[in-house]
Protein backbone atom coordinates (compact mmCIF):
# COMPACT_ATOMS: atom_id res chain seq x y z
CA MET A 1 161.33 118.08 -75.99
CA PRO A 2 161.25 114.33 -76.71
CA SER A 3 162.66 112.08 -74.04
CA SER A 4 163.95 109.49 -76.49
CA PRO A 5 167.01 110.08 -78.67
CA ILE A 6 165.39 107.76 -81.21
CA ASP A 7 162.69 110.37 -81.88
CA VAL A 8 165.35 113.02 -82.44
CA LEU A 9 167.32 110.77 -84.80
CA ALA A 10 164.19 109.79 -86.70
CA ARG A 11 163.42 113.46 -87.32
CA HIS A 12 166.88 113.99 -88.78
CA LEU A 13 166.48 110.98 -91.06
CA GLU A 14 163.12 112.01 -92.53
CA HIS A 15 164.81 113.41 -95.66
CA VAL A 16 166.98 110.32 -96.25
CA THR A 17 165.82 108.10 -99.09
CA VAL A 18 166.55 104.43 -99.63
CA ALA A 19 168.89 105.37 -102.50
CA ASP A 20 171.04 107.32 -99.99
CA LEU A 21 171.73 104.23 -97.89
CA LEU A 22 174.88 102.19 -98.38
CA THR A 23 174.45 99.24 -100.66
CA ASP A 24 176.88 97.05 -98.73
CA PRO A 25 177.46 97.74 -95.02
CA LEU A 26 180.47 95.41 -95.15
CA ASP A 27 182.28 98.15 -97.08
CA LEU A 28 182.40 100.26 -93.90
CA PRO A 29 185.73 100.26 -92.04
CA THR A 30 185.88 98.72 -88.60
CA LEU A 31 186.46 100.89 -85.55
CA ALA A 32 190.00 99.49 -85.27
CA GLU A 33 190.71 100.46 -88.89
CA VAL A 34 189.43 103.99 -88.33
CA LEU A 35 191.49 104.34 -85.15
CA ASP A 36 194.57 103.06 -86.99
CA ALA A 37 194.51 106.43 -88.76
CA VAL A 38 195.40 108.17 -85.49
CA PRO A 39 199.10 109.08 -85.67
CA ASP A 40 201.00 106.64 -83.44
CA PRO A 41 203.33 108.44 -80.98
CA ARG A 42 205.47 105.34 -80.41
CA SER A 43 208.71 104.69 -82.29
CA ARG A 44 208.41 101.97 -84.92
CA ARG A 45 210.81 99.72 -83.02
CA GLY A 46 208.73 99.88 -79.85
CA ARG A 47 205.43 98.79 -81.33
CA ARG A 48 204.26 95.34 -80.37
CA TYR A 49 200.59 95.90 -81.16
CA ARG A 50 198.83 98.14 -83.69
CA LEU A 51 197.36 101.33 -82.27
CA GLY A 52 193.86 101.01 -83.77
CA PRO A 53 193.00 97.65 -82.20
CA LEU A 54 194.44 98.74 -78.84
CA LEU A 55 192.29 101.86 -78.82
CA ALA A 56 189.18 100.02 -80.06
CA LEU A 57 189.44 97.28 -77.44
CA SER A 58 190.27 99.84 -74.73
CA LEU A 59 187.13 101.75 -75.67
CA LEU A 60 185.14 98.52 -75.53
CA ALA A 61 186.54 97.83 -72.05
CA VAL A 62 185.62 101.31 -70.81
CA LEU A 63 182.12 100.97 -72.27
CA GLY A 64 181.97 97.63 -70.47
CA GLY A 65 182.64 99.30 -67.12
CA ALA A 66 186.44 99.38 -66.75
CA THR A 67 187.44 102.36 -64.61
CA SER A 68 191.21 101.97 -64.41
CA LEU A 69 194.12 101.02 -66.65
CA THR A 70 194.49 97.73 -64.79
CA LYS A 71 190.83 96.87 -65.37
CA ILE A 72 191.12 97.85 -69.04
CA THR A 73 194.12 95.56 -69.61
CA ARG A 74 192.47 92.73 -67.68
CA LEU A 75 189.31 93.01 -69.74
CA ILE A 76 191.27 93.12 -73.01
CA ALA A 77 193.29 90.05 -71.93
CA GLY A 78 190.05 88.31 -70.96
CA TYR A 79 188.33 88.90 -74.29
CA ASP A 80 187.81 85.87 -76.47
CA PRO A 81 190.95 85.29 -78.59
CA ASP A 82 188.77 85.25 -81.72
CA LEU A 83 187.47 88.75 -80.87
CA ARG A 84 191.01 90.02 -80.30
CA ALA A 85 192.13 88.46 -83.59
CA LEU A 86 189.15 89.98 -85.40
CA ALA A 87 190.15 93.38 -84.00
CA GLY A 88 193.73 92.86 -85.14
CA LEU A 89 195.56 91.75 -82.00
CA PRO A 90 197.46 88.46 -81.75
CA GLY A 91 196.15 85.55 -79.71
CA THR A 92 198.78 85.91 -76.97
CA LEU A 93 198.52 89.32 -75.39
CA ARG A 94 201.00 90.67 -72.84
CA LEU A 95 199.81 94.21 -72.29
CA ALA A 96 200.87 96.01 -69.10
CA ALA A 97 198.64 98.69 -67.58
CA SER A 98 201.64 101.01 -67.27
CA THR A 99 202.47 100.62 -70.97
CA LEU A 100 198.88 101.36 -71.98
CA GLY A 101 198.87 104.34 -69.61
CA ARG A 102 202.01 105.82 -71.16
CA LEU A 103 200.59 105.33 -74.65
CA LEU A 104 197.30 107.02 -73.75
CA ALA A 105 199.15 109.87 -72.02
CA ARG A 106 201.27 110.46 -75.12
CA LEU A 107 198.16 110.41 -77.29
CA GLY A 108 196.44 112.83 -74.92
CA ARG A 109 199.24 115.37 -75.32
CA ARG A 110 198.75 115.41 -79.09
CA ARG A 111 195.99 117.52 -80.48
CA LEU A 112 194.15 115.41 -83.03
CA ARG A 113 192.84 117.17 -86.07
CA HIS A 114 190.03 116.10 -88.32
CA ARG A 115 192.54 115.61 -91.12
CA ASP A 116 194.32 112.96 -89.01
CA LEU A 117 191.37 110.64 -89.57
CA HIS A 118 189.94 109.44 -92.85
CA LEU A 119 186.60 107.83 -93.55
CA SER A 120 188.44 104.97 -95.20
CA GLY A 121 190.10 104.24 -91.85
CA ARG A 122 193.60 104.23 -93.34
CA ALA A 123 196.44 106.56 -92.47
CA ARG A 124 197.91 108.89 -95.07
């Protein structure tokens, strides 16, 4: 068994030809756009920030070592404003750990189905 996942991936890509590759990688949706397809459990009136960017930046914070809701919100608030804007969040961010926790808890109670997400990254 190979110790490197690169060897495993390379084996799976042996049959892929250059013609199979995307011609323009910029046509791919961003992670925030894909996550925007997740059905938002919040009422429309209570939404200050889009769901996709919140989830994408939360994931980035967790991958960066955040282990609590407080650390996640601190990391998101500490990100460069240009990065937050690129993800789809406004420059001034007032995100409370308790609010993020309630949102994630409500999302966790929903059972996501494959049909909830689209490759285009846009909701139905």
